[in-house]
Amino acid sequence: MATLYVNEQGSVVGVDGGYYVVKQKNDLLRKIPKETLEAITLFGNVHLTEPCVQECLRRGIAVNYFSANGAYFGRLTSTRHIKAERLRMQVHFSENEELCLQFAKKIVAAKIHNQMVVCRRYQRKQEAEDCLKQMKLAENKIDQCQNREEVMGYEGIAAREYFKALAQLVQPAFRFNGRTRMPPKDAFNSMLSLGYTMLLYEIYGELENRGLTPYVGLLHKNQEGHPALASDLMEQYGYRVQKSAFEALLDQKMFVKLRSEIPKVIDEKEDCVKIYRLKGVSETVTWGNMQEVSDDEMIFI
């Protein structure tokens, strides 16, 4: 199933027979079969027609609204996913401190482990080793924690070291001085914030589709208006906030060079890179671990 992202200002999303149709300002039409779509995300001045709104509600397709700059506004969703008994059980589990503690330990340990994998993958001259040692110490302490506050304390220590390491590993043009939010103070933090926000509301939608409320968590404390359970589940995925897709115009010489360089820079066990030809003879070239790739598709317009 696919997620449709529309960020060209002035676009209109409607329905036509068995398709969702995106009409852009130059009258270009893009059609997406209804049965392939599970969510729509709109940025800025993009509109849905009334028949499209009704079709989304009828099919249970959530619509997320962002500003043109990536600030989240809210979502349009139907109520047919609500399961009262499942919600009651969720609230009951959230009040079980021992269950919450065990859940918190697993989530945070996985998060720290994933952060260390990222640092090791990108470091070239052991520049992040001191940070990695501190992160490993924090990870080892997780199992000894007696409550969620202690778990979150070690999560904070590891996060501080992670962003310190990351600041040393990124390209000079994207160097940053620690994690900043609301507002992010540099290009790197801006990209992180947008990616995290989009991931949070992807998880939000998945929870609702399964009859759970995103607002009753097991790790994060419940706060008014904060989707605590979505934040809980995002912890171990935040290190990889989005899959990347690039469109490039290459001549044959540049394409040959690209194919020769990719195997030199990827980790065959962890990474997966695929090249699709957009025109001409259809050809797909793949490197790395195909098991890392899900069947989900993202459509960008």
C-alpha atoms as a PDB file:
ATOM      1  CA  MET A   1       0.000   0.000   0.000  1.00  0.00           C
ATOM      2  CA  ALA A   2       1.179   3.506  -0.815  1.00  0.00           C
ATOM      3  CA  THR A   3       1.296   6.929   0.819  1.00  0.00           C
ATOM      4  CA  LEU A   4       0.679   9.897  -1.479  1.00  0.00           C
ATOM      5  CA  TYR A   5       2.667  13.068  -0.687  1.00  0.00           C
ATOM      6  CA  VAL A   6       1.626  16.282  -2.456  1.00  0.00           C
ATOM      7  CA  ASN A   7       3.725  19.420  -1.922  1.00  0.00           C
ATOM      8  CA  GLU A   8       3.295  21.387  -5.162  1.00  0.00           C
ATOM      9  CA  GLN A   9       1.379  24.505  -4.146  1.00  0.00           C
ATOM     10  CA  GLY A  10      -2.007  24.978  -5.789  1.00  0.00           C
ATOM     11  CA  SER A  11      -2.534  21.283  -6.501  1.00  0.00           C
ATOM     12  CA  VAL A  12      -6.003  19.734  -6.137  1.00  0.00           C
ATOM     13  CA  VAL A  13      -6.650  16.102  -5.238  1.00  0.00           C
ATOM     14  CA  GLY A  14      -9.902  14.609  -6.511  1.00  0.00           C
ATOM     15  CA  VAL A  15     -11.427  11.296  -7.583  1.00  0.00           C
ATOM     16  CA  ASP A  16     -12.242   9.976 -11.037  1.00  0.00           C
ATOM     17  CA  GLY A  17     -13.689   6.488 -11.313  1.00  0.00           C
ATOM     18  CA  GLY A  18     -11.245   4.052  -9.757  1.00  0.00           C
ATOM     19  CA  TYR A  19      -8.486   6.634  -9.324  1.00  0.00           C
ATOM     20  CA  TYR A  20      -7.353   9.434  -7.065  1.00  0.00           C
ATOM     21  CA  VAL A  21      -6.338  12.264  -9.369  1.00  0.00           C
ATOM     22  CA  VAL A  22      -3.869  15.061  -8.612  1.00  0.00           C
ATOM     23  CA  LYS A  23      -4.271  18.137 -10.793  1.00  0.00           C
ATOM     24  CA  GLN A  24      -1.317  20.507 -10.735  1.00  0.00           C
ATOM     25  CA  LYS A  25      -1.183  24.168 -11.711  1.00  0.00           C
ATOM     26  CA  ASN A  26       0.035  23.384 -15.232  1.00  0.00           C
ATOM     27  CA  ASP A  27      -3.021  21.105 -15.702  1.00  0.00           C
ATOM     28  CA  LEU A  28      -0.810  18.030 -15.470  1.00  0.00           C
ATOM     29  CA  LEU A  29      -2.797  15.087 -14.114  1.00  0.00           C
ATOM     30  CA  ARG A  30      -1.402  12.239 -12.032  1.00  0.00           C
ATOM     31  CA  LYS A  31      -3.584   9.184 -11.341  1.00  0.00           C
ATOM     32  CA  ILE A  32      -3.192   6.681  -8.497  1.00  0.00           C
ATOM     33  CA  PRO A  33      -5.437   3.575  -8.311  1.00  0.00           C
ATOM     34  CA  LYS A  34      -7.712   3.731  -5.246  1.00  0.00           C
ATOM     35  CA  GLU A  35      -6.890   0.224  -4.080  1.00  0.00           C
ATOM     36  CA  THR A  36      -3.162   1.013  -3.779  1.00  0.00           C
ATOM     37  CA  LEU A  37      -3.510   4.016  -1.439  1.00  0.00           C
ATOM     38  CA  GLU A  38      -3.655   3.962   2.365  1.00  0.00           C
ATOM     39  CA  ALA A  39      -2.792   7.574   3.304  1.00  0.00           C
ATOM     40  CA  ILE A  40      -2.442  11.073   1.849  1.00  0.00           C
ATOM     41  CA  THR A  41      -0.113  13.792   3.167  1.00  0.00           C
ATOM     42  CA  LEU A  42      -0.574  17.386   2.031  1.00  0.00           C
ATOM     43  CA  PHE A  43       1.855  20.304   2.406  1.00  0.00           C
ATOM     44  CA  GLY A  44       0.694  23.927   2.309  1.00  0.00           C
ATOM     45  CA  ASN A  45      -1.812  25.205  -0.252  1.00  0.00           C
ATOM     46  CA  VAL A  46      -3.075  21.829  -1.511  1.00  0.00           C
ATOM     47  CA  HIS A  47      -6.790  21.011  -1.551  1.00  0.00           C
ATOM     48  CA  LEU A  48      -9.061  17.963  -1.559  1.00  0.00           C
ATOM     49  CA  THR A  49     -12.380  18.082  -3.395  1.00  0.00           C
ATOM     50  CA  GLU A  50     -15.492  17.202  -1.375  1.00  0.00           C
ATOM     51  CA  PRO A  51     -16.000  13.889  -3.266  1.00  0.00           C
ATOM     52  CA  CYS A  52     -12.369  13.045  -2.452  1.00  0.00           C
ATOM     53  CA  VAL A  53     -12.899  13.798   1.245  1.00  0.00           C
ATOM     54  CA  GLN A  54     -15.954  11.530   1.312  1.00  0.00           C
ATOM     55  CA  GLU A  55     -14.096   8.769  -0.513  1.00  0.00           C
ATOM     56  CA  CYS A  56     -11.205   8.943   1.960  1.00  0.00           C
ATOM     57  CA  LEU A  57     -13.598   8.698   4.908  1.00  0.00           C
ATOM     58  CA  ARG A  58     -15.465   5.826   3.272  1.00  0.00           C
ATOM     59  CA  ARG A  59     -12.264   3.872   2.609  1.00  0.00           C
ATOM     60  CA  GLY A  60     -10.573   4.740   5.898  1.00  0.00           C
ATOM     61  CA  ILE A  61      -7.735   6.640   4.195  1.00  0.00           C
ATOM     62  CA  ALA A  62      -6.188   9.148   6.598  1.00  0.00           C
ATOM     63  CA  VAL A  63      -5.254  12.618   5.340  1.00  0.00           C
ATOM     64  CA  ASN A  64      -2.404  14.457   7.114  1.00  0.00           C
ATOM     65  CA  TYR A  65      -2.110  18.250   6.851  1.00  0.00           C
ATOM     66  CA  PHE A  66       1.241  20.082   7.104  1.00  0.00           C
ATOM     67  CA  SER A  67       2.236  23.663   6.422  1.00  0.00           C
ATOM     68  CA  ALA A  68       4.419  24.325   3.385  1.00  0.00           C
ATOM     69  CA  ASN A  69       7.359  24.436   5.828  1.00  0.00           C
ATOM     70  CA  GLY A  70       6.527  21.092   7.436  1.00  0.00           C
ATOM     71  CA  ALA A  71       4.632  22.140  10.599  1.00  0.00           C
ATOM     72  CA  TYR A  72       1.940  19.587  11.452  1.00  0.00           C
ATOM     73  CA  PHE A  73      -1.677  20.835  11.616  1.00  0.00           C
ATOM     74  CA  GLY A  74      -3.819  17.724  12.050  1.00  0.00           C
ATOM     75  CA  ARG A  75      -5.452  14.830  10.235  1.00  0.00           C
ATOM     76  CA  LEU A  76      -8.742  13.810   8.670  1.00  0.00           C
ATOM     77  CA  THR A  77      -9.754  10.267   9.587  1.00  0.00           C
ATOM     78  CA  SER A  78     -12.878   8.161   9.914  1.00  0.00           C
ATOM     79  CA  THR A  79     -14.108   6.639  13.197  1.00  0.00           C
ATOM     80  CA  ARG A  80     -14.772   3.127  11.944  1.00  0.00           C
ATOM     81  CA  HIS A  81     -11.511   1.795  13.416  1.00  0.00           C
ATOM     82  CA  ILE A  82     -12.580   2.417  17.043  1.00  0.00           C
ATOM     83  CA  LYS A  83     -12.735  -0.722  19.223  1.00  0.00           C
ATOM     84  CA  ALA A  84     -13.925   0.077  22.739  1.00  0.00           C
ATOM     85  CA  GLU A  85     -12.762  -3.173  24.366  1.00  0.00           C
ATOM     86  CA  ARG A  86      -9.261  -2.832  22.912  1.00  0.00           C
ATOM     87  CA  LEU A  87      -9.062   0.741  24.190  1.00  0.00           C
ATOM     88  CA  ARG A  88     -10.122  -0.420  27.654  1.00  0.00           C
ATOM     89  CA  MET A  89      -7.362  -3.072  27.660  1.00  0.00           C
ATOM     90  CA  GLN A  90      -4.792  -0.519  26.494  1.00  0.00           C
ATOM     91  CA  VAL A  91      -5.614   1.821  29.388  1.00  0.00           C
ATOM     92  CA  HIS A  92      -5.480  -1.141  31.801  1.00  0.00           C
ATOM     93  CA  PHE A  93      -2.007  -2.157  30.587  1.00  0.00           C
ATOM     94  CA  SER A  94      -0.764   1.441  30.806  1.00  0.00           C
ATOM     95  CA  GLU A  95      -1.524   1.379  34.555  1.00  0.00           C
ATOM     96  CA  ASN A  96       0.610  -1.749  35.125  1.00  0.00           C
ATOM     97  CA  GLU A  97       3.977  -0.309  36.208  1.00  0.00           C
ATOM     98  CA  GLU A  98       5.920  -3.572  35.830  1.00  0.00           C
ATOM     99  CA  LEU A  99       4.649  -4.114  32.291  1.00  0.00           C
ATOM    100  CA  CYS A 100       5.450  -0.488  31.401  1.00  0.00           C
ATOM    101  CA  LEU A 101       8.970  -0.844  32.823  1.00  0.00           C
ATOM    102  CA  GLN A 102       9.725  -3.984  30.790  1.00  0.00           C
ATOM    103  CA  PHE A 103       8.351  -2.340  27.657  1.00  0.00           C
ATOM    104  CA  ALA A 104      10.433   0.782  28.291  1.00  0.00           C
ATOM    105  CA  LYS A 105      13.625  -1.254  28.730  1.00  0.00           C
ATOM    106  CA  LYS A 106      13.162  -3.079  25.428  1.00  0.00           C
ATOM    107  CA  ILE A 107      12.299   0.042  23.453  1.00  0.00           C
ATOM    108  CA  VAL A 108      15.145   2.185  24.821  1.00  0.00           C
ATOM    109  CA  ALA A 109      17.763  -0.576  24.562  1.00  0.00           C
ATOM    110  CA  ALA A 110      16.785  -1.083  20.910  1.00  0.00           C
ATOM    111  CA  LYS A 111      16.965   2.668  20.287  1.00  0.00           C
ATOM    112  CA  ILE A 112      20.475   3.006  21.735  1.00  0.00           C
ATOM    113  CA  HIS A 113      21.660  -0.058  19.820  1.00  0.00           C
ATOM    114  CA  ASN A 114      20.360   1.392  16.541  1.00  0.00           C
ATOM    115  CA  GLN A 115      22.004   4.744  17.241  1.00  0.00           C
ATOM    116  CA  MET A 116      25.360   3.044  17.764  1.00  0.00           C
ATOM    117  CA  VAL A 117      24.944   1.137  14.491  1.00  0.00           C
ATOM    118  CA  VAL A 118      24.448   4.444  12.652  1.00  0.00           C
ATOM    119  CA  CYS A 119      27.558   5.992  14.230  1.00  0.00           C
ATOM    120  CA  ARG A 120      29.743   2.986  13.450  1.00  0.00           C
ATOM    121  CA  ARG A 121      28.485   2.901   9.879  1.00  0.00           C
ATOM    122  CA  TYR A 122      29.428   6.507   9.145  1.00  0.00           C
ATOM    123  CA  GLN A 123      32.593   7.058  11.143  1.00  0.00           C
ATOM    124  CA  ARG A 124      35.804   6.950   9.105  1.00  0.00           C
ATOM    125  CA  LYS A 125      38.635   7.600  11.576  1.00  0.00           C
ATOM    126  CA  GLN A 126      37.253   6.462  14.950  1.00  0.00           C
ATOM    127  CA  GLU A 127      36.192  10.056  15.638  1.00  0.00           C
ATOM    128  CA  ALA A 128      33.030   8.936  17.478  1.00  0.00           C
ATOM    129  CA  GLU A 129      34.614   6.274  19.703  1.00  0.00           C
ATOM    130  CA  ASP A 130      34.376   8.276  22.947  1.00  0.00           C
ATOM    131  CA  CYS A 131      30.678   8.903  22.345  1.00  0.00           C
ATOM    132  CA  LEU A 132      30.118   5.255  21.464  1.00  0.00           C
ATOM    133  CA  LYS A 133      31.699   4.144  24.736  1.00  0.00           C
ATOM    134  CA  GLN A 134      29.356   6.380  26.717  1.00  0.00           C
ATOM    135  CA  MET A 135      26.373   5.126  24.745  1.00  0.00           C
ATOM    136  CA  LYS A 136      27.374   1.515  25.407  1.00  0.00           C
ATOM    137  CA  LEU A 137      27.626   2.237  29.145  1.00  0.00           C
ATOM    138  CA  ALA A 138      24.119   3.717  29.066  1.00  0.00           C
ATOM    139  CA  GLU A 139      22.787   0.706  27.167  1.00  0.00           C
ATOM    140  CA  ASN A 140      24.300  -1.695  29.708  1.00  0.00           C
ATOM    141  CA  LYS A 141      22.606   0.175  32.563  1.00  0.00           C
ATOM    142  CA  ILE A 142      19.106  -0.167  31.110  1.00  0.00           C
ATOM    143  CA  ASP A 143      18.472  -3.669  32.438  1.00  0.00           C
ATOM    144  CA  GLN A 144      19.248  -2.552  36.015  1.00  0.00           C
ATOM    145  CA  CYS A 145      16.700   0.285  36.060  1.00  0.00           C
ATOM    146  CA  GLN A 146      13.975   0.126  38.694  1.00  0.00           C
ATOM    147  CA  ASN A 147      11.496   2.537  37.096  1.00  0.00           C
ATOM    148  CA  ARG A 148      10.722   4.352  33.835  1.00  0.00           C
ATOM    149  CA  GLU A 149      12.324   7.580  35.038  1.00  0.00           C
ATOM    150  CA  GLU A 150      15.697   5.829  35.309  1.00  0.00           C
ATOM    151  CA  VAL A 151      15.268   4.302  31.855  1.00  0.00           C
ATOM    152  CA  MET A 152      14.535   7.719  30.350  1.00  0.00           C
ATOM    153  CA  GLY A 153      17.523   9.159  32.182  1.00  0.00           C
ATOM    154  CA  TYR A 154      19.900   6.751  30.437  1.00  0.00           C
ATOM    155  CA  GLU A 155      18.039   7.324  27.168  1.00  0.00           C
ATOM    156  CA  GLY A 156      18.803  11.034  27.547  1.00  0.00           C
ATOM    157  CA  ILE A 157      22.495  10.370  28.211  1.00  0.00           C
ATOM    158  CA  ALA A 158      22.749   8.161  25.119  1.00  0.00           C
ATOM    159  CA  ALA A 159      20.845  10.683  22.976  1.00  0.00           C
ATOM    160  CA  ARG A 160      23.190  13.495  24.006  1.00  0.00           C
ATOM    161  CA  GLU A 161      26.235  11.408  23.039  1.00  0.00           C
ATOM    162  CA  TYR A 162      24.565  10.267  19.819  1.00  0.00           C
ATOM    163  CA  PHE A 163      23.958  13.776  18.533  1.00  0.00           C
ATOM    164  CA  LYS A 164      27.429  14.803  19.642  1.00  0.00           C
ATOM    165  CA  ALA A 165      28.842  11.969  17.539  1.00  0.00           C
ATOM    166  CA  LEU A 166      26.532  12.693  14.617  1.00  0.00           C
ATOM    167  CA  ALA A 167      27.658  16.328  14.544  1.00  0.00           C
ATOM    168  CA  GLN A 168      31.216  15.071  13.926  1.00  0.00           C
ATOM    169  CA  LEU A 169      30.223  12.631  11.188  1.00  0.00           C
ATOM    170  CA  VAL A 170      27.996  14.677   8.863  1.00  0.00           C
ATOM    171  CA  GLN A 171      29.333  16.726   5.964  1.00  0.00           C
ATOM    172  CA  PRO A 172      30.676  20.202   6.948  1.00  0.00           C
ATOM    173  CA  ALA A 173      27.773  21.952   5.206  1.00  0.00           C
ATOM    174  CA  PHE A 174      25.357  20.268   7.648  1.00  0.00           C
ATOM    175  CA  ARG A 175      27.369  20.550  10.879  1.00  0.00           C
ATOM    176  CA  PHE A 176      25.224  21.360  13.910  1.00  0.00           C
ATOM    177  CA  ASN A 177      25.694  22.010  17.601  1.00  0.00           C
ATOM    178  CA  GLY A 178      23.387  19.513  19.336  1.00  0.00           C
ATOM    179  CA  ARG A 179      19.713  18.695  18.855  1.00  0.00           C
ATOM    180  CA  THR A 180      17.423  21.750  18.776  1.00  0.00           C
ATOM    181  CA  ARG A 181      13.637  21.840  18.483  1.00  0.00           C
ATOM    182  CA  MET A 182      10.743  24.309  18.256  1.00  0.00           C
ATOM    183  CA  PRO A 183      12.258  25.849  16.310  1.00  0.00           C
ATOM    184  CA  PRO A 184      15.214  23.883  14.906  1.00  0.00           C
ATOM    185  CA  LYS A 185      18.165  26.253  14.542  1.00  0.00           C
ATOM    186  CA  ASP A 186      19.976  24.806  11.522  1.00  0.00           C
ATOM    187  CA  ALA A 187      19.433  22.825   8.317  1.00  0.00           C
ATOM    188  CA  PHE A 188      20.260  19.441   9.841  1.00  0.00           C
ATOM    189  CA  ASN A 189      17.881  19.846  12.776  1.00  0.00           C
ATOM    190  CA  SER A 190      15.183  21.115  10.402  1.00  0.00           C
ATOM    191  CA  MET A 191      15.440  17.936   8.342  1.00  0.00           C
ATOM    192  CA  LEU A 192      15.395  15.791  11.480  1.00  0.00           C
ATOM    193  CA  SER A 193      12.317  17.549  12.815  1.00  0.00           C
ATOM    194  CA  LEU A 194      10.385  17.126   9.567  1.00  0.00           C
ATOM    195  CA  GLY A 195      11.372  13.473   9.290  1.00  0.00           C
ATOM    196  CA  TYR A 196      10.458  12.749  12.908  1.00  0.00           C
ATOM    197  CA  THR A 197       7.102  14.512  12.554  1.00  0.00           C
ATOM    198  CA  MET A 198       6.185  12.542   9.431  1.00  0.00           C
ATOM    199  CA  LEU A 199       7.262   9.288  11.089  1.00  0.00           C
ATOM    200  CA  LEU A 200       5.294  10.086  14.248  1.00  0.00           C
ATOM    201  CA  TYR A 201       2.049  10.511  12.339  1.00  0.00           C
ATOM    202  CA  GLU A 202       2.676   7.447  10.169  1.00  0.00           C
ATOM    203  CA  ILE A 203       2.809   5.462  13.422  1.00  0.00           C
ATOM    204  CA  TYR A 204      -0.176   7.436  14.742  1.00  0.00           C
ATOM    205  CA  GLY A 205      -2.246   6.220  11.796  1.00  0.00           C
ATOM    206  CA  GLU A 206      -1.116   2.605  12.174  1.00  0.00           C
ATOM    207  CA  LEU A 207      -2.146   2.626  15.841  1.00  0.00           C
ATOM    208  CA  GLU A 208      -5.583   4.034  15.034  1.00  0.00           C
ATOM    209  CA  ASN A 209      -6.071   1.459  12.283  1.00  0.00           C
ATOM    210  CA  ARG A 210      -5.554  -1.265  14.877  1.00  0.00           C
ATOM    211  CA  GLY A 211      -8.087   0.128  17.297  1.00  0.00           C
ATOM    212  CA  LEU A 212      -5.583   1.705  19.710  1.00  0.00           C
ATOM    213  CA  THR A 213      -5.350   5.291  20.881  1.00  0.00           C
ATOM    214  CA  PRO A 214      -2.007   7.003  20.212  1.00  0.00           C
ATOM    215  CA  TYR A 215      -2.481   9.113  23.370  1.00  0.00           C
ATOM    216  CA  VAL A 216      -2.071   6.408  26.068  1.00  0.00           C
ATOM    217  CA  GLY A 217       1.573   5.319  26.258  1.00  0.00           C
ATOM    218  CA  LEU A 218       3.701   2.843  28.188  1.00  0.00           C
ATOM    219  CA  LEU A 219       7.080   4.597  28.088  1.00  0.00           C
ATOM    220  CA  HIS A 220       6.340   8.332  27.812  1.00  0.00           C
ATOM    221  CA  LYS A 221       4.128   9.881  30.446  1.00  0.00           C
ATOM    222  CA  ASN A 222       0.646  10.779  29.239  1.00  0.00           C
ATOM    223  CA  GLN A 223       0.268  14.494  28.567  1.00  0.00           C
ATOM    224  CA  GLU A 224      -2.629  16.490  27.195  1.00  0.00           C
ATOM    225  CA  GLY A 225      -2.504  16.522  23.399  1.00  0.00           C
ATOM    226  CA  HIS A 226       0.663  14.400  23.130  1.00  0.00           C
ATOM    227  CA  PRO A 227       0.437  11.048  21.248  1.00  0.00           C
ATOM    228  CA  ALA A 228       2.461   9.164  23.885  1.00  0.00           C
ATOM    229  CA  LEU A 229       2.147   5.644  22.437  1.00  0.00           C
ATOM    230  CA  ALA A 230       3.153   6.868  18.969  1.00  0.00           C
ATOM    231  CA  SER A 231       6.209   8.488  20.601  1.00  0.00           C
ATOM    232  CA  ASP A 232       6.953   5.211  22.407  1.00  0.00           C
ATOM    233  CA  LEU A 233       7.028   3.192  19.206  1.00  0.00           C
ATOM    234  CA  MET A 234       8.937   5.868  17.299  1.00  0.00           C
ATOM    235  CA  GLU A 235      11.891   5.582  19.691  1.00  0.00           C
ATOM    236  CA  GLN A 236      13.483   2.580  18.025  1.00  0.00           C
ATOM    237  CA  TYR A 237      12.790   3.829  14.481  1.00  0.00           C
ATOM    238  CA  GLY A 238      13.794   7.462  14.780  1.00  0.00           C
ATOM    239  CA  TYR A 239      17.377   6.740  13.716  1.00  0.00           C
ATOM    240  CA  ARG A 240      16.115   6.038  10.212  1.00  0.00           C
ATOM    241  CA  VAL A 241      13.391   8.611   9.781  1.00  0.00           C
ATOM    242  CA  GLN A 242      12.803   8.159   6.084  1.00  0.00           C
ATOM    243  CA  LYS A 243      13.697   6.138   3.037  1.00  0.00           C
ATOM    244  CA  SER A 244      15.507   8.192   0.437  1.00  0.00           C
ATOM    245  CA  ALA A 245      14.624   8.506  -3.235  1.00  0.00           C
ATOM    246  CA  PHE A 246      16.560  10.563  -5.784  1.00  0.00           C
ATOM    247  CA  GLU A 247      15.862  11.344  -9.424  1.00  0.00           C
ATOM    248  CA  ALA A 248      18.938  12.084 -11.530  1.00  0.00           C
ATOM    249  CA  LEU A 249      19.606  12.858 -15.190  1.00  0.00           C
ATOM    250  CA  LEU A 250      22.776  10.959 -16.173  1.00  0.00           C
ATOM    251  CA  ASP A 251      24.583  10.340 -19.431  1.00  0.00           C
ATOM    252  CA  GLN A 252      25.957   6.831 -20.059  1.00  0.00           C
ATOM    253  CA  LYS A 253      29.436   7.691 -18.759  1.00  0.00           C
ATOM    254  CA  MET A 254      28.077   9.105 -15.496  1.00  0.00           C
ATOM    255  CA  PHE A 255      25.750   6.112 -15.079  1.00  0.00           C
ATOM    256  CA  VAL A 256      28.622   3.645 -15.470  1.00  0.00           C
ATOM    257  CA  LYS A 257      30.661   5.570 -12.895  1.00  0.00           C
ATOM    258  CA  LEU A 258      27.722   5.620 -10.467  1.00  0.00           C
ATOM    259  CA  ARG A 259      27.298   1.854 -10.758  1.00  0.00           C
ATOM    260  CA  SER A 260      30.988   1.291 -10.101  1.00  0.00           C
ATOM    261  CA  GLU A 261      31.081   3.544  -7.005  1.00  0.00           C
ATOM    262  CA  ILE A 262      27.961   2.363  -5.145  1.00  0.00           C
ATOM    263  CA  PRO A 263      29.371  -1.047  -4.054  1.00  0.00           C
ATOM    264  CA  LYS A 264      32.374   0.729  -2.526  1.00  0.00           C
ATOM    265  CA  VAL A 265      30.382   2.885  -0.119  1.00  0.00           C
ATOM    266  CA  ILE A 266      27.519   0.674   1.093  1.00  0.00           C
ATOM    267  CA  ASP A 267      27.382  -2.009   3.779  1.00  0.00           C
ATOM    268  CA  GLU A 268      26.158  -5.141   1.960  1.00  0.00           C
ATOM    269  CA  LYS A 269      24.605  -6.529   5.164  1.00  0.00           C
ATOM    270  CA  GLU A 270      22.775  -3.369   6.262  1.00  0.00           C
ATOM    271  CA  ASP A 271      22.080  -1.239   3.175  1.00  0.00           C
ATOM    272  CA  CYS A 272      20.014  -1.665   0.044  1.00  0.00           C
ATOM    273  CA  VAL A 273      20.309   0.507  -3.070  1.00  0.00           C
ATOM    274  CA  LYS A 274      18.130   0.109  -6.157  1.00  0.00           C
ATOM    275  CA  ILE A 275      18.339   1.979  -9.466  1.00  0.00           C
ATOM    276  CA  TYR A 276      15.312   2.183 -11.767  1.00  0.00           C
ATOM    277  CA  ARG A 277      15.399   3.555 -15.280  1.00  0.00           C
ATOM    278  CA  LEU A 278      12.540   6.021 -15.755  1.00  0.00           C
ATOM    279  CA  LYS A 279      12.678   5.920 -19.554  1.00  0.00           C
ATOM    280  CA  GLY A 280      13.855   3.544 -22.237  1.00  0.00           C
ATOM    281  CA  VAL A 281      14.523  -0.144 -21.641  1.00  0.00           C
ATOM    282  CA  SER A 282      13.315  -1.170 -18.185  1.00  0.00           C
ATOM    283  CA  GLU A 283      16.193  -2.206 -15.940  1.00  0.00           C
ATOM    284  CA  THR A 284      16.601  -2.533 -12.181  1.00  0.00           C
ATOM    285  CA  VAL A 285      20.034  -2.739 -10.551  1.00  0.00           C
ATOM    286  CA  THR A 286      20.250  -3.757  -6.905  1.00  0.00           C
ATOM    287  CA  TRP A 287      22.993  -3.891  -4.287  1.00  0.00           C
ATOM    288  CA  GLY A 288      22.874  -4.991  -0.655  1.00  0.00           C
ATOM    289  CA  ASN A 289      20.321  -6.644   1.595  1.00  0.00           C
ATOM    290  CA  MET A 290      16.943  -6.928  -0.117  1.00  0.00           C
ATOM    291  CA  GLN A 291      15.318  -8.111   3.141  1.00  0.00           C
ATOM    292  CA  GLU A 292      15.656  -4.562   4.468  1.00  0.00           C
ATOM    293  CA  VAL A 293      13.140  -3.307   1.886  1.00  0.00           C
ATOM    294  CA  SER A 294       9.404  -3.507   2.595  1.00  0.00           C
ATOM    295  CA  ASP A 295       6.701  -3.765  -0.028  1.00  0.00           C
ATOM    296  CA  ASP A 296       5.324  -0.347   0.920  1.00  0.00           C
ATOM    297  CA  GLU A 297       5.601   2.366  -1.691  1.00  0.00           C
ATOM    298  CA  MET A 298       5.762   6.138  -1.399  1.00  0.00           C
ATOM    299  CA  ILE A 299       4.513   8.309  -4.232  1.00  0.00           C
ATOM    300  CA  PHE A 300       5.934  11.855  -4.507  1.00  0.00           C
ATOM    301  CA  ILE A 301       4.293  14.511  -6.680  1.00  0.00           C
END
